[in-house]
Amino acid sequence: MIKTVEDTPLGRFQIDWGIAEPTTELGNIVSRSDEPRALTFVDPLYPAETKTLRVYRKGGEWLLLAEITPGVWALGRQIDDPAVTFAFGDSPELQDELLALVLAGRKTATCGALRDFGGAEPVPVVGRRDVVLDGLGRRAAIIETVSIEMKRFDEVDAPFAREEGEGDLSYEYWREAHEAYFGRNGGYSPDMILVCERFRLVEVLDRNNTKRVNP
């Protein structure tokens, strides 16, 4: 038996390859009715081949299951994902627009209100790798935090605004866009504390396939 860890649109799974039929052990499982109904992976037992595993639900857990050769099965179970996943922006359209700037190398900085961090999205730390989602919620890229500063909104300078890569790259554009953004997401004030992050693009992910992520 071989174990692999795979990142998928449904989260992170540990897959056991080359096991005996596990259906008795699993009990009642239900096929997923929405997309994705199945996911395809490289078979670690035969690396030149791919295998498609069906997606099932057992209680509150997703499972991946398939008979990969007669009498030989693969079973995937969800595991905790240490990577933080997030999207730039507050609408699918803006998320895709800002992601495109990251992928083009134009956007290498971002900021968020300190009040909004915590829980599923902790404050970034230097060296941490996070997964960026597109407007459809698909994993699209991996970025790595290069630097972090806490600043008041009115302390952000023109060089940082330019590194955010938006609009005409001017400080005036940055200020107007971010006043509007924070205004519709909890409120704006010139003395609000921002988490100002610079990052680098590590990897572009295939949004239509599974991809291992090593945060």
N, C-alpha and C. Protein backbone atom coordinates (compact mmCIF):
# COMPACT_ATOMS: atom_id res chain seq x y z
N MET A 1 0.84 -1.20 0.00
CA MET A 1 0.00 0.00 0.00
C MET A 1 0.88 1.25 0.00
N ILE A 2 0.46 2.26 -0.75
CA ILE A 2 1.14 3.55 -0.80
C ILE A 2 0.15 4.63 -0.38
N LYS A 3 0.63 5.58 0.42
CA LYS A 3 -0.20 6.71 0.83
C LYS A 3 0.29 7.98 0.12
N THR A 4 -0.66 8.78 -0.38
CA THR A 4 -0.32 10.10 -0.91
C THR A 4 -1.24 11.13 -0.28
N VAL A 5 -0.79 12.38 -0.29
CA VAL A 5 -1.61 13.50 0.16
C VAL A 5 -1.85 14.38 -1.06
N GLU A 6 -3.13 14.64 -1.34
CA GLU A 6 -3.51 15.38 -2.54
C GLU A 6 -4.44 16.53 -2.18
N ASP A 7 -4.22 17.69 -2.83
CA ASP A 7 -5.13 18.82 -2.68
C ASP A 7 -6.10 18.82 -3.84
N THR A 8 -7.36 19.04 -3.53
CA THR A 8 -8.43 18.97 -4.52
C THR A 8 -9.38 20.14 -4.31
N PRO A 9 -10.31 20.35 -5.24
CA PRO A 9 -11.32 21.40 -5.02
C PRO A 9 -12.18 21.17 -3.79
N LEU A 10 -12.18 19.96 -3.24
CA LEU A 10 -12.96 19.66 -2.04
C LEU A 10 -12.12 19.67 -0.77
N GLY A 11 -10.84 20.02 -0.89
CA GLY A 11 -9.95 20.04 0.26
C GLY A 11 -8.82 19.04 0.12
N ARG A 12 -8.13 18.80 1.21
CA ARG A 12 -6.96 17.92 1.22
C ARG A 12 -7.37 16.51 1.64
N PHE A 13 -6.83 15.52 0.91
CA PHE A 13 -7.15 14.11 1.16
C PHE A 13 -5.87 13.31 1.32
N GLN A 14 -5.91 12.31 2.21
CA GLN A 14 -4.90 11.26 2.22
C GLN A 14 -5.51 10.06 1.50
N ILE A 15 -4.81 9.57 0.47
CA ILE A 15 -5.32 8.46 -0.32
C ILE A 15 -4.46 7.24 -0.08
N ASP A 16 -5.11 6.14 0.28
CA ASP A 16 -4.44 4.85 0.43
C ASP A 16 -4.65 4.07 -0.86
N TRP A 17 -3.54 3.77 -1.54
CA TRP A 17 -3.58 3.06 -2.82
C TRP A 17 -3.18 1.60 -2.62
N GLY A 18 -3.93 0.70 -3.25
CA GLY A 18 -3.57 -0.72 -3.21
C GLY A 18 -4.08 -1.43 -1.98
N ILE A 19 -5.35 -1.17 -1.61
CA ILE A 19 -5.94 -1.81 -0.44
C ILE A 19 -7.03 -2.79 -0.87
N ALA A 20 -7.42 -3.63 0.07
CA ALA A 20 -8.54 -4.55 -0.20
C ALA A 20 -9.84 -3.76 -0.22
N GLU A 21 -10.90 -4.34 -0.77
CA GLU A 21 -12.18 -3.67 -0.89
C GLU A 21 -12.65 -3.16 0.48
N PRO A 22 -12.88 -1.83 0.62
CA PRO A 22 -13.21 -1.27 1.93
C PRO A 22 -14.70 -1.01 2.13
N THR A 23 -15.56 -1.43 1.21
CA THR A 23 -16.96 -1.02 1.27
C THR A 23 -17.67 -1.52 2.53
N THR A 24 -17.32 -2.71 3.03
CA THR A 24 -17.94 -3.21 4.27
C THR A 24 -17.58 -2.31 5.44
N GLU A 25 -16.34 -1.89 5.48
CA GLU A 25 -15.86 -1.02 6.57
C GLU A 25 -16.55 0.34 6.52
N LEU A 26 -16.83 0.84 5.31
CA LEU A 26 -17.38 2.19 5.17
C LEU A 26 -18.86 2.27 5.50
N GLY A 27 -19.59 1.20 5.31
CA GLY A 27 -21.02 1.24 5.57
C GLY A 27 -21.77 2.02 4.51
N ASN A 28 -22.73 2.81 4.91
CA ASN A 28 -23.57 3.55 3.96
C ASN A 28 -22.88 4.83 3.49
N ILE A 29 -22.59 4.88 2.21
CA ILE A 29 -22.02 6.09 1.61
C ILE A 29 -22.91 6.50 0.44
N VAL A 30 -22.91 7.80 0.15
CA VAL A 30 -23.79 8.36 -0.87
C VAL A 30 -22.96 9.06 -1.92
N SER A 31 -23.23 8.80 -3.20
CA SER A 31 -22.51 9.45 -4.28
C SER A 31 -22.79 10.95 -4.28
N ARG A 32 -21.78 11.75 -4.58
CA ARG A 32 -21.96 13.20 -4.69
C ARG A 32 -22.80 13.50 -5.92
N SER A 33 -23.79 14.36 -5.77
CA SER A 33 -24.67 14.69 -6.89
C SER A 33 -24.20 15.90 -7.67
N ASP A 34 -23.43 16.80 -7.03
CA ASP A 34 -22.92 17.99 -7.70
C ASP A 34 -21.51 17.74 -8.22
N GLU A 35 -21.06 18.67 -9.07
CA GLU A 35 -19.67 18.60 -9.52
C GLU A 35 -18.74 19.11 -8.42
N PRO A 36 -17.54 18.51 -8.27
CA PRO A 36 -17.06 17.37 -9.04
C PRO A 36 -17.59 16.05 -8.48
N ARG A 37 -18.03 15.16 -9.37
CA ARG A 37 -18.50 13.84 -8.95
C ARG A 37 -17.35 12.84 -8.89
N ALA A 38 -16.22 13.19 -9.53
CA ALA A 38 -15.05 12.31 -9.54
C ALA A 38 -13.81 13.18 -9.70
N LEU A 39 -12.67 12.68 -9.24
CA LEU A 39 -11.40 13.38 -9.33
C LEU A 39 -10.35 12.42 -9.87
N THR A 40 -9.43 12.95 -10.66
CA THR A 40 -8.43 12.11 -11.31
C THR A 40 -7.04 12.42 -10.75
N PHE A 41 -6.28 11.36 -10.49
CA PHE A 41 -4.95 11.48 -9.90
C PHE A 41 -3.97 10.60 -10.66
N VAL A 42 -2.68 10.95 -10.55
CA VAL A 42 -1.63 10.03 -11.00
C VAL A 42 -1.61 8.85 -10.04
N ASP A 43 -1.56 7.65 -10.60
CA ASP A 43 -1.53 6.43 -9.79
C ASP A 43 -0.09 6.20 -9.31
N PRO A 44 0.18 6.30 -8.00
CA PRO A 44 1.56 6.13 -7.53
C PRO A 44 2.08 4.70 -7.70
N LEU A 45 1.16 3.75 -7.86
CA LEU A 45 1.60 2.37 -8.11
C LEU A 45 2.06 2.18 -9.55
N TYR A 46 1.46 2.98 -10.46
CA TYR A 46 1.81 2.94 -11.90
C TYR A 46 1.86 4.38 -12.38
N PRO A 47 2.98 5.09 -12.17
CA PRO A 47 3.03 6.53 -12.40
C PRO A 47 2.73 6.98 -13.82
N ALA A 48 2.79 6.09 -14.77
CA ALA A 48 2.45 6.47 -16.15
C ALA A 48 0.94 6.51 -16.37
N GLU A 49 0.17 6.07 -15.36
CA GLU A 49 -1.28 6.00 -15.50
C GLU A 49 -1.97 6.97 -14.55
N THR A 50 -3.20 7.33 -14.90
CA THR A 50 -4.05 8.10 -13.98
C THR A 50 -5.24 7.24 -13.60
N LYS A 51 -5.80 7.53 -12.44
CA LYS A 51 -6.98 6.81 -11.96
C LYS A 51 -8.03 7.82 -11.51
N THR A 52 -9.28 7.52 -11.80
CA THR A 52 -10.39 8.38 -11.42
C THR A 52 -11.11 7.79 -10.22
N LEU A 53 -11.21 8.58 -9.16
CA LEU A 53 -11.88 8.16 -7.94
C LEU A 53 -13.21 8.90 -7.81
N ARG A 54 -14.26 8.15 -7.53
CA ARG A 54 -15.57 8.75 -7.35
C ARG A 54 -15.64 9.46 -5.99
N VAL A 55 -16.47 10.50 -5.92
CA VAL A 55 -16.64 11.26 -4.69
C VAL A 55 -17.92 10.80 -3.99
N TYR A 56 -17.78 10.49 -2.69
CA TYR A 56 -18.91 10.04 -1.88
C TYR A 56 -19.00 10.87 -0.61
N ARG A 57 -20.13 10.82 0.02
CA ARG A 57 -20.34 11.47 1.30
C ARG A 57 -20.70 10.40 2.33
N LYS A 58 -20.04 10.46 3.49
CA LYS A 58 -20.42 9.63 4.63
C LYS A 58 -20.57 10.55 5.83
N GLY A 59 -21.82 10.80 6.22
CA GLY A 59 -22.07 11.79 7.26
C GLY A 59 -21.62 13.15 6.78
N GLY A 60 -20.74 13.81 7.52
CA GLY A 60 -20.23 15.12 7.12
C GLY A 60 -18.89 15.07 6.43
N GLU A 61 -18.47 13.88 5.97
CA GLU A 61 -17.13 13.71 5.42
C GLU A 61 -17.20 13.33 3.95
N TRP A 62 -16.33 13.95 3.14
CA TRP A 62 -16.16 13.50 1.76
C TRP A 62 -15.19 12.33 1.73
N LEU A 63 -15.47 11.37 0.85
CA LEU A 63 -14.59 10.23 0.62
C LEU A 63 -14.31 10.12 -0.87
N LEU A 64 -13.15 9.59 -1.22
CA LEU A 64 -12.81 9.26 -2.60
C LEU A 64 -12.61 7.76 -2.67
N LEU A 65 -13.19 7.09 -3.67
CA LEU A 65 -13.16 5.63 -3.71
C LEU A 65 -13.20 5.13 -5.14
N ALA A 66 -12.40 4.13 -5.43
CA ALA A 66 -12.46 3.47 -6.74
C ALA A 66 -11.73 2.13 -6.67
N GLU A 67 -12.19 1.19 -7.50
CA GLU A 67 -11.47 -0.06 -7.72
C GLU A 67 -10.52 0.21 -8.87
N ILE A 68 -9.22 0.32 -8.58
CA ILE A 68 -8.27 0.77 -9.60
C ILE A 68 -7.78 -0.36 -10.50
N THR A 69 -7.76 -1.57 -9.99
CA THR A 69 -7.59 -2.78 -10.79
C THR A 69 -8.45 -3.84 -10.14
N PRO A 70 -8.76 -4.92 -10.80
CA PRO A 70 -9.65 -5.91 -10.19
C PRO A 70 -9.19 -6.34 -8.79
N GLY A 71 -10.05 -6.10 -7.82
CA GLY A 71 -9.76 -6.49 -6.45
C GLY A 71 -8.84 -5.55 -5.69
N VAL A 72 -8.38 -4.49 -6.34
CA VAL A 72 -7.46 -3.54 -5.69
C VAL A 72 -8.12 -2.16 -5.70
N TRP A 73 -8.16 -1.52 -4.53
CA TRP A 73 -8.92 -0.29 -4.38
C TRP A 73 -8.04 0.87 -3.91
N ALA A 74 -8.55 2.08 -4.11
CA ALA A 74 -7.95 3.28 -3.55
C ALA A 74 -9.03 4.00 -2.75
N LEU A 75 -8.67 4.48 -1.56
CA LEU A 75 -9.61 5.15 -0.67
C LEU A 75 -8.98 6.43 -0.16
N GLY A 76 -9.69 7.55 -0.34
CA GLY A 76 -9.20 8.83 0.16
C GLY A 76 -10.11 9.38 1.23
N ARG A 77 -9.50 9.88 2.31
CA ARG A 77 -10.25 10.51 3.40
C ARG A 77 -9.74 11.94 3.59
N GLN A 78 -10.66 12.85 3.93
CA GLN A 78 -10.28 14.23 4.17
C GLN A 78 -9.39 14.36 5.40
N ILE A 79 -8.39 15.23 5.29
CA ILE A 79 -7.51 15.53 6.42
C ILE A 79 -7.43 17.04 6.55
N ASP A 80 -6.91 17.50 7.69
CA ASP A 80 -6.77 18.94 7.92
C ASP A 80 -5.82 19.54 6.91
N ASP A 81 -6.16 20.72 6.42
CA ASP A 81 -5.35 21.43 5.44
C ASP A 81 -4.68 22.62 6.13
N PRO A 82 -3.35 22.58 6.30
CA PRO A 82 -2.68 23.69 6.99
C PRO A 82 -2.60 24.95 6.16
N ALA A 83 -2.85 24.85 4.87
CA ALA A 83 -2.76 26.05 4.03
C ALA A 83 -3.97 26.94 4.25
N VAL A 84 -3.72 28.25 4.32
CA VAL A 84 -4.81 29.22 4.35
C VAL A 84 -5.27 29.43 2.91
N THR A 85 -6.55 29.35 2.68
CA THR A 85 -7.10 29.61 1.35
C THR A 85 -7.94 30.88 1.42
N PHE A 86 -7.80 31.74 0.41
CA PHE A 86 -8.53 33.00 0.41
C PHE A 86 -8.61 33.51 -1.02
N ALA A 87 -9.43 34.52 -1.22
CA ALA A 87 -9.53 35.19 -2.51
C ALA A 87 -9.34 36.68 -2.30
N PHE A 88 -8.64 37.34 -3.23
CA PHE A 88 -8.55 38.79 -3.20
C PHE A 88 -9.91 39.37 -3.62
N GLY A 89 -10.40 40.38 -2.90
CA GLY A 89 -11.63 41.03 -3.33
C GLY A 89 -12.87 40.48 -2.67
N ASP A 90 -14.01 41.16 -2.90
CA ASP A 90 -15.25 40.81 -2.22
C ASP A 90 -16.38 40.46 -3.19
N SER A 91 -16.05 40.17 -4.42
CA SER A 91 -17.03 39.68 -5.39
C SER A 91 -16.30 38.76 -6.37
N PRO A 92 -17.01 37.83 -7.00
CA PRO A 92 -16.33 36.94 -7.96
C PRO A 92 -15.61 37.71 -9.06
N GLU A 93 -16.20 38.81 -9.53
CA GLU A 93 -15.57 39.59 -10.60
C GLU A 93 -14.27 40.23 -10.13
N LEU A 94 -14.31 40.83 -8.94
CA LEU A 94 -13.10 41.46 -8.41
C LEU A 94 -12.05 40.41 -8.07
N GLN A 95 -12.48 39.26 -7.57
CA GLN A 95 -11.54 38.18 -7.25
C GLN A 95 -10.78 37.72 -8.48
N ASP A 96 -11.49 37.58 -9.60
CA ASP A 96 -10.83 37.17 -10.85
C ASP A 96 -9.92 38.29 -11.37
N GLU A 97 -10.36 39.53 -11.25
CA GLU A 97 -9.57 40.66 -11.73
C GLU A 97 -8.25 40.77 -10.97
N LEU A 98 -8.31 40.68 -9.64
CA LEU A 98 -7.09 40.80 -8.84
C LEU A 98 -6.19 39.59 -8.99
N LEU A 99 -6.79 38.41 -9.10
CA LEU A 99 -5.99 37.21 -9.35
C LEU A 99 -5.22 37.34 -10.65
N ALA A 100 -5.85 37.87 -11.69
CA ALA A 100 -5.17 38.04 -12.98
C ALA A 100 -3.95 38.95 -12.83
N LEU A 101 -4.04 39.97 -11.98
CA LEU A 101 -2.90 40.85 -11.74
C LEU A 101 -1.76 40.11 -11.05
N VAL A 102 -2.12 39.23 -10.11
CA VAL A 102 -1.10 38.41 -9.44
C VAL A 102 -0.41 37.50 -10.44
N LEU A 103 -1.19 36.81 -11.26
CA LEU A 103 -0.62 35.86 -12.22
C LEU A 103 0.24 36.57 -13.26
N ALA A 104 -0.08 37.84 -13.56
CA ALA A 104 0.70 38.60 -14.53
C ALA A 104 1.96 39.20 -13.91
N GLY A 105 2.12 39.06 -12.59
CA GLY A 105 3.29 39.62 -11.91
C GLY A 105 3.16 41.09 -11.58
N ARG A 106 2.01 41.67 -11.80
CA ARG A 106 1.81 43.11 -11.55
C ARG A 106 1.45 43.38 -10.09
N LYS A 107 0.72 42.49 -9.48
CA LYS A 107 0.30 42.67 -8.08
C LYS A 107 1.18 41.83 -7.18
N THR A 108 1.97 42.49 -6.31
CA THR A 108 2.86 41.79 -5.39
C THR A 108 2.64 42.24 -3.94
N ALA A 109 1.52 42.93 -3.72
CA ALA A 109 1.21 43.39 -2.36
C ALA A 109 -0.30 43.44 -2.19
N THR A 110 -0.72 43.38 -0.93
CA THR A 110 -2.14 43.47 -0.60
C THR A 110 -2.26 43.97 0.82
N CYS A 111 -3.45 44.41 1.18
CA CYS A 111 -3.67 44.83 2.56
C CYS A 111 -5.08 44.44 2.98
N GLY A 112 -5.25 44.27 4.27
CA GLY A 112 -6.55 43.95 4.83
C GLY A 112 -6.70 44.61 6.18
N ALA A 113 -7.92 44.84 6.59
CA ALA A 113 -8.18 45.42 7.91
C ALA A 113 -7.81 44.41 8.99
N LEU A 114 -7.04 44.84 9.97
CA LEU A 114 -6.63 43.94 11.05
C LEU A 114 -7.84 43.31 11.72
N ARG A 115 -8.95 44.04 11.82
CA ARG A 115 -10.15 43.54 12.49
C ARG A 115 -10.72 42.31 11.81
N ASP A 116 -10.40 42.11 10.51
CA ASP A 116 -11.01 41.02 9.75
C ASP A 116 -10.23 39.71 9.83
N PHE A 117 -9.05 39.73 10.45
CA PHE A 117 -8.25 38.51 10.51
C PHE A 117 -8.60 37.71 11.76
N GLY A 118 -8.31 36.39 11.66
CA GLY A 118 -8.61 35.48 12.76
C GLY A 118 -9.41 34.32 12.26
N GLY A 119 -9.46 33.24 13.03
CA GLY A 119 -10.23 32.06 12.63
C GLY A 119 -9.60 31.39 11.42
N ALA A 120 -10.39 31.28 10.33
CA ALA A 120 -9.92 30.57 9.15
C ALA A 120 -8.86 31.34 8.40
N GLU A 121 -8.72 32.64 8.66
CA GLU A 121 -7.70 33.44 7.97
C GLU A 121 -6.88 34.21 8.99
N PRO A 122 -5.85 33.57 9.55
CA PRO A 122 -5.00 34.26 10.52
C PRO A 122 -4.14 35.31 9.84
N VAL A 123 -3.59 36.22 10.63
CA VAL A 123 -2.69 37.23 10.08
C VAL A 123 -1.51 36.54 9.38
N PRO A 124 -1.16 36.97 8.18
CA PRO A 124 -0.03 36.33 7.48
C PRO A 124 1.26 36.47 8.28
N VAL A 125 2.16 35.52 8.06
CA VAL A 125 3.50 35.59 8.66
C VAL A 125 4.52 35.35 7.54
N VAL A 126 5.67 35.95 7.68
CA VAL A 126 6.71 35.83 6.66
C VAL A 126 7.08 34.36 6.47
N GLY A 127 7.12 33.94 5.21
CA GLY A 127 7.48 32.57 4.87
C GLY A 127 6.30 31.64 4.72
N ARG A 128 5.11 32.07 5.17
CA ARG A 128 3.95 31.20 5.02
C ARG A 128 3.46 31.20 3.59
N ARG A 129 3.02 30.04 3.12
CA ARG A 129 2.47 29.92 1.77
C ARG A 129 0.97 29.70 1.85
N ASP A 130 0.24 30.49 1.08
CA ASP A 130 -1.21 30.44 1.09
C ASP A 130 -1.72 30.16 -0.32
N VAL A 131 -2.94 29.66 -0.38
CA VAL A 131 -3.57 29.30 -1.65
C VAL A 131 -4.58 30.38 -2.01
N VAL A 132 -4.46 30.92 -3.23
CA VAL A 132 -5.37 31.95 -3.71
C VAL A 132 -6.46 31.29 -4.55
N LEU A 133 -7.71 31.65 -4.28
CA LEU A 133 -8.85 31.11 -5.01
C LEU A 133 -9.28 32.08 -6.09
N ASP A 134 -9.92 31.55 -7.13
CA ASP A 134 -10.50 32.42 -8.15
C ASP A 134 -11.95 32.72 -7.79
N GLY A 135 -12.65 33.40 -8.69
CA GLY A 135 -14.01 33.81 -8.41
C GLY A 135 -14.99 32.66 -8.30
N LEU A 136 -14.60 31.47 -8.76
CA LEU A 136 -15.44 30.28 -8.64
C LEU A 136 -15.05 29.43 -7.43
N GLY A 137 -14.09 29.91 -6.64
CA GLY A 137 -13.67 29.17 -5.46
C GLY A 137 -12.67 28.07 -5.76
N ARG A 138 -12.07 28.08 -6.96
CA ARG A 138 -11.08 27.06 -7.31
C ARG A 138 -9.69 27.52 -6.92
N ARG A 139 -8.85 26.59 -6.52
CA ARG A 139 -7.47 26.90 -6.16
C ARG A 139 -6.71 27.29 -7.43
N ALA A 140 -6.13 28.49 -7.41
CA ALA A 140 -5.55 29.04 -8.64
C ALA A 140 -4.05 29.30 -8.53
N ALA A 141 -3.55 29.59 -7.33
CA ALA A 141 -2.14 29.96 -7.21
C ALA A 141 -1.68 29.79 -5.77
N ILE A 142 -0.38 29.68 -5.60
CA ILE A 142 0.25 29.67 -4.28
C ILE A 142 1.13 30.91 -4.18
N ILE A 143 0.97 31.67 -3.10
CA ILE A 143 1.83 32.82 -2.85
C ILE A 143 2.56 32.62 -1.53
N GLU A 144 3.69 33.30 -1.39
CA GLU A 144 4.47 33.24 -0.16
C GLU A 144 4.65 34.65 0.39
N THR A 145 4.36 34.83 1.66
CA THR A 145 4.50 36.14 2.30
C THR A 145 5.97 36.51 2.42
N VAL A 146 6.31 37.71 1.94
CA VAL A 146 7.69 38.20 1.97
C VAL A 146 7.90 39.18 3.11
N SER A 147 6.91 40.05 3.37
CA SER A 147 7.03 40.99 4.48
C SER A 147 5.65 41.37 4.97
N ILE A 148 5.59 41.79 6.24
CA ILE A 148 4.34 42.21 6.87
C ILE A 148 4.61 43.49 7.67
N GLU A 149 3.72 44.47 7.52
CA GLU A 149 3.76 45.69 8.33
C GLU A 149 2.35 46.04 8.78
N MET A 150 2.22 46.53 9.98
CA MET A 150 0.96 47.07 10.46
C MET A 150 1.01 48.58 10.33
N LYS A 151 0.05 49.15 9.59
CA LYS A 151 0.03 50.59 9.38
C LYS A 151 -1.39 51.12 9.48
N ARG A 152 -1.51 52.39 9.88
CA ARG A 152 -2.78 53.07 9.73
C ARG A 152 -3.06 53.27 8.24
N PHE A 153 -4.33 53.33 7.91
CA PHE A 153 -4.70 53.56 6.50
C PHE A 153 -3.98 54.78 5.95
N ASP A 154 -3.96 55.86 6.72
CA ASP A 154 -3.37 57.09 6.21
C ASP A 154 -1.85 57.10 6.26
N GLU A 155 -1.23 55.99 6.68
CA GLU A 155 0.23 55.86 6.65
C GLU A 155 0.72 55.08 5.43
N VAL A 156 -0.18 54.47 4.68
CA VAL A 156 0.23 53.72 3.48
C VAL A 156 0.80 54.71 2.47
N ASP A 157 1.94 54.37 1.86
CA ASP A 157 2.60 55.30 0.96
C ASP A 157 2.44 54.88 -0.50
N ALA A 158 2.91 55.75 -1.39
CA ALA A 158 2.77 55.53 -2.84
C ALA A 158 3.49 54.28 -3.32
N PRO A 159 4.70 53.97 -2.83
CA PRO A 159 5.35 52.73 -3.31
C PRO A 159 4.53 51.47 -3.01
N PHE A 160 3.94 51.40 -1.81
CA PHE A 160 3.11 50.23 -1.50
C PHE A 160 1.87 50.20 -2.37
N ALA A 161 1.25 51.37 -2.57
CA ALA A 161 0.06 51.43 -3.43
C ALA A 161 0.40 50.94 -4.83
N ARG A 162 1.56 51.30 -5.33
CA ARG A 162 1.98 50.85 -6.67
C ARG A 162 2.16 49.33 -6.70
N GLU A 163 2.73 48.77 -5.64
CA GLU A 163 2.95 47.32 -5.60
C GLU A 163 1.63 46.55 -5.52
N GLU A 164 0.57 47.19 -5.06
CA GLU A 164 -0.74 46.52 -5.09
C GLU A 164 -1.21 46.28 -6.51
N GLY A 165 -0.69 47.05 -7.48
CA GLY A 165 -0.87 46.72 -8.90
C GLY A 165 -2.22 47.04 -9.50
N GLU A 166 -3.02 47.85 -8.83
CA GLU A 166 -4.39 48.05 -9.29
C GLU A 166 -4.55 49.39 -10.01
N GLY A 167 -5.50 49.44 -10.96
CA GLY A 167 -5.83 50.67 -11.64
C GLY A 167 -4.63 51.27 -12.36
N ASP A 168 -4.42 52.59 -12.19
CA ASP A 168 -3.29 53.26 -12.85
C ASP A 168 -2.03 53.27 -11.99
N LEU A 169 -2.04 52.51 -10.91
CA LEU A 169 -0.91 52.34 -9.99
C LEU A 169 -0.65 53.57 -9.11
N SER A 170 -1.51 54.56 -9.20
CA SER A 170 -1.29 55.77 -8.41
C SER A 170 -1.80 55.61 -6.99
N TYR A 171 -1.25 56.43 -6.09
CA TYR A 171 -1.73 56.44 -4.72
C TYR A 171 -3.18 56.89 -4.67
N GLU A 172 -3.55 57.85 -5.51
CA GLU A 172 -4.92 58.36 -5.51
C GLU A 172 -5.91 57.26 -5.86
N TYR A 173 -5.58 56.43 -6.86
CA TYR A 173 -6.47 55.32 -7.23
C TYR A 173 -6.57 54.34 -6.07
N TRP A 174 -5.41 54.01 -5.49
CA TRP A 174 -5.41 53.06 -4.38
C TRP A 174 -6.30 53.55 -3.25
N ARG A 175 -6.15 54.82 -2.87
CA ARG A 175 -6.90 55.35 -1.74
C ARG A 175 -8.41 55.31 -2.01
N GLU A 176 -8.80 55.76 -3.20
CA GLU A 176 -10.22 55.79 -3.53
C GLU A 176 -10.81 54.39 -3.55
N ALA A 177 -10.11 53.44 -4.18
CA ALA A 177 -10.61 52.07 -4.28
C ALA A 177 -10.70 51.42 -2.91
N HIS A 178 -9.72 51.67 -2.04
CA HIS A 178 -9.71 51.01 -0.75
C HIS A 178 -10.65 51.67 0.25
N GLU A 179 -10.85 52.97 0.14
CA GLU A 179 -11.88 53.60 0.96
C GLU A 179 -13.24 52.98 0.64
N ALA A 180 -13.51 52.77 -0.65
CA ALA A 180 -14.78 52.16 -1.05
C ALA A 180 -14.87 50.72 -0.58
N TYR A 181 -13.77 49.96 -0.73
CA TYR A 181 -13.77 48.54 -0.34
C TYR A 181 -14.04 48.39 1.15
N PHE A 182 -13.27 49.11 1.97
CA PHE A 182 -13.47 48.97 3.41
C PHE A 182 -14.82 49.56 3.84
N GLY A 183 -15.27 50.58 3.12
CA GLY A 183 -16.56 51.17 3.44
C GLY A 183 -17.71 50.19 3.32
N ARG A 184 -17.61 49.28 2.36
CA ARG A 184 -18.67 48.28 2.20
C ARG A 184 -18.36 46.97 2.92
N ASN A 185 -17.25 46.91 3.64
CA ASN A 185 -16.87 45.70 4.36
C ASN A 185 -16.49 46.03 5.80
N GLY A 186 -17.42 46.61 6.53
CA GLY A 186 -17.20 46.84 7.95
C GLY A 186 -16.89 48.26 8.34
N GLY A 187 -16.62 49.12 7.35
CA GLY A 187 -16.41 50.53 7.67
C GLY A 187 -14.99 51.00 7.43
N TYR A 188 -14.87 52.24 6.98
CA TYR A 188 -13.56 52.87 6.72
C TYR A 188 -13.32 54.01 7.70
N SER A 189 -12.06 54.15 8.13
CA SER A 189 -11.63 55.35 8.84
C SER A 189 -10.14 55.53 8.55
N PRO A 190 -9.65 56.76 8.51
CA PRO A 190 -8.24 56.99 8.15
C PRO A 190 -7.26 56.41 9.16
N ASP A 191 -7.71 56.17 10.40
CA ASP A 191 -6.80 55.63 11.40
C ASP A 191 -6.98 54.13 11.62
N MET A 192 -7.77 53.46 10.76
CA MET A 192 -7.93 52.01 10.89
C MET A 192 -6.59 51.32 10.62
N ILE A 193 -6.35 50.22 11.33
CA ILE A 193 -5.07 49.51 11.19
C ILE A 193 -5.18 48.49 10.07
N LEU A 194 -4.20 48.55 9.16
CA LEU A 194 -4.14 47.62 8.04
C LEU A 194 -2.97 46.66 8.22
N VAL A 195 -3.16 45.43 7.78
CA VAL A 195 -2.09 44.45 7.65
C VAL A 195 -1.59 44.56 6.21
N CYS A 196 -0.40 45.12 6.04
CA CYS A 196 0.16 45.37 4.71
C CYS A 196 1.16 44.25 4.38
N GLU A 197 0.84 43.48 3.38
CA GLU A 197 1.61 42.29 3.05
C GLU A 197 2.22 42.41 1.66
N ARG A 198 3.49 42.09 1.56
CA ARG A 198 4.15 41.89 0.27
C ARG A 198 4.35 40.38 0.10
N PHE A 199 4.17 39.91 -1.12
CA PHE A 199 4.24 38.47 -1.36
C PHE A 199 4.88 38.19 -2.72
N ARG A 200 5.21 36.95 -2.93
CA ARG A 200 5.70 36.52 -4.25
C ARG A 200 4.86 35.35 -4.73
N LEU A 201 4.71 35.27 -6.04
CA LEU A 201 3.98 34.15 -6.65
C LEU A 201 4.90 32.95 -6.70
N VAL A 202 4.47 31.84 -6.09
CA VAL A 202 5.29 30.63 -6.04
C VAL A 202 4.92 29.67 -7.16
N GLU A 203 3.62 29.48 -7.37
CA GLU A 203 3.18 28.48 -8.35
C GLU A 203 1.77 28.81 -8.84
N VAL A 204 1.57 28.58 -10.12
CA VAL A 204 0.24 28.68 -10.71
C VAL A 204 -0.35 27.28 -10.75
N LEU A 205 -1.57 27.11 -10.24
CA LEU A 205 -2.21 25.80 -10.16
C LEU A 205 -3.17 25.59 -11.32
N ASP A 206 -3.33 24.34 -11.70
CA ASP A 206 -4.30 23.96 -12.72
C ASP A 206 -5.67 23.92 -12.07
N ARG A 207 -6.52 24.87 -12.40
CA ARG A 207 -7.82 24.96 -11.74
C ARG A 207 -8.78 23.86 -12.15
N ASN A 208 -8.47 23.14 -13.21
CA ASN A 208 -9.36 22.08 -13.70
C ASN A 208 -8.86 20.69 -13.34
N ASN A 209 -7.88 20.64 -12.45
CA ASN A 209 -7.33 19.35 -12.07
C ASN A 209 -6.91 19.43 -10.63
N THR A 210 -6.51 18.33 -10.03
CA THR A 210 -6.01 18.33 -8.68
C THR A 210 -4.54 18.71 -8.70
N LYS A 211 -4.09 19.29 -7.61
CA LYS A 211 -2.69 19.71 -7.53
C LYS A 211 -2.24 19.65 -6.09
N ARG A 212 -1.11 19.03 -5.86
CA ARG A 212 -0.59 18.96 -4.51
C ARG A 212 -0.05 20.33 -4.12
N VAL A 213 -0.34 20.74 -2.90
CA VAL A 213 0.12 22.02 -2.40
C VAL A 213 1.01 21.75 -1.20
N ASN A 214 2.17 22.39 -1.16
CA ASN A 214 3.08 22.22 -0.03
C ASN A 214 3.27 23.57 0.64
N PRO A 215 2.31 23.96 1.49
CA PRO A 215 2.39 25.27 2.12
C PRO A 215 3.53 25.31 3.15
